[in-house]
């Protein structure tokens, strides 16, 4: 994992509700899941399997 990816910030949403933001590691700790689970929540497979009210992880822009 590159240093840039390690420092990238993501936001967690459940439906329209903002939960928190942070690195993948911070989100994993907050949600009580593994880092790989956070990565899975960002995949097209997860988006297809779940409704819009499900947990979503979104990469925030660097700007």
Protein backbone atom coordinates (compact mmCIF):
# COMPACT_ATOMS: atom_id res chain seq x y z
CA UNK A 1 0.00 0.00 0.00
CA UNK A 2 1.41 3.38 -0.96
CA UNK A 3 1.77 6.25 1.47
CA UNK A 4 -0.74 8.29 -0.54
CA UNK A 5 -3.34 5.54 -0.30
CA UNK A 6 -2.64 5.12 3.41
CA UNK A 7 -3.39 8.83 4.01
CA UNK A 8 -6.42 9.05 1.71
CA UNK A 9 -9.62 10.05 3.49
CA UNK A 10 -12.96 8.31 3.00
CA UNK A 11 -16.45 9.06 4.30
CA UNK A 12 -18.93 6.50 5.59
CA UNK A 13 -22.66 6.93 4.96
CA UNK A 14 -25.68 4.83 5.80
CA UNK A 15 -28.16 5.95 3.20
CA UNK A 16 -28.15 9.75 3.32
CA UNK A 17 -26.84 9.83 6.91
CA UNK A 18 -23.17 10.81 7.33
CA UNK A 19 -21.47 8.57 9.90
CA UNK A 20 -17.79 9.58 9.96
CA UNK A 21 -14.69 10.01 7.85
CA UNK A 22 -11.08 8.90 8.06
CA UNK A 23 -8.60 6.47 6.58
CA UNK A 24 -9.68 2.91 5.77
CA UNK A 25 -8.09 1.77 9.03
CA UNK A 26 -9.97 4.41 11.05
CA UNK A 27 -13.28 3.53 9.37
CA UNK A 28 -12.68 -0.17 10.03
CA UNK A 29 -12.08 0.53 13.71
CA UNK A 30 -15.14 2.80 13.96
CA UNK A 31 -17.40 0.25 12.26
CA UNK A 32 -15.85 -2.76 13.99
CA UNK A 33 -14.83 -4.53 10.78
CA UNK A 34 -11.60 -5.43 9.01
CA UNK A 35 -9.88 -3.09 6.55
CA UNK A 36 -10.64 -5.56 3.75
CA UNK A 37 -14.33 -5.22 4.55
CA UNK A 38 -14.07 -1.45 4.09
CA UNK A 39 -12.49 -2.10 0.69
CA UNK A 40 -15.34 -4.50 -0.18
CA UNK A 41 -17.93 -1.84 0.73
CA UNK A 42 -16.46 0.26 -2.10
CA UNK A 43 -16.84 -2.39 -4.83
CA UNK A 44 -19.48 -2.50 -7.58
CA UNK A 45 -20.51 -5.94 -6.24
CA UNK A 46 -21.46 -4.45 -2.87
CA UNK A 47 -23.37 -1.61 -4.52
CA UNK A 48 -25.37 -4.08 -6.64
CA UNK A 49 -26.17 -6.37 -3.69
CA UNK A 50 -27.45 -3.69 -1.36
CA UNK A 51 -30.08 -0.99 -1.32
CA UNK A 52 -29.33 2.73 -1.30
CA UNK A 53 -29.89 2.71 2.47
CA UNK A 54 -26.94 0.35 3.03
CA UNK A 55 -23.50 1.37 4.20
CA UNK A 56 -21.47 3.25 1.59
CA UNK A 57 -17.81 4.25 1.66
CA UNK A 58 -16.87 7.19 -0.55
CA UNK A 59 -13.38 8.49 -1.30
CA UNK A 60 -13.13 12.21 -0.59
CA UNK A 61 -11.35 14.49 -3.06
CA UNK A 62 -7.88 15.68 -2.20
CA UNK A 63 -8.88 19.25 -2.99
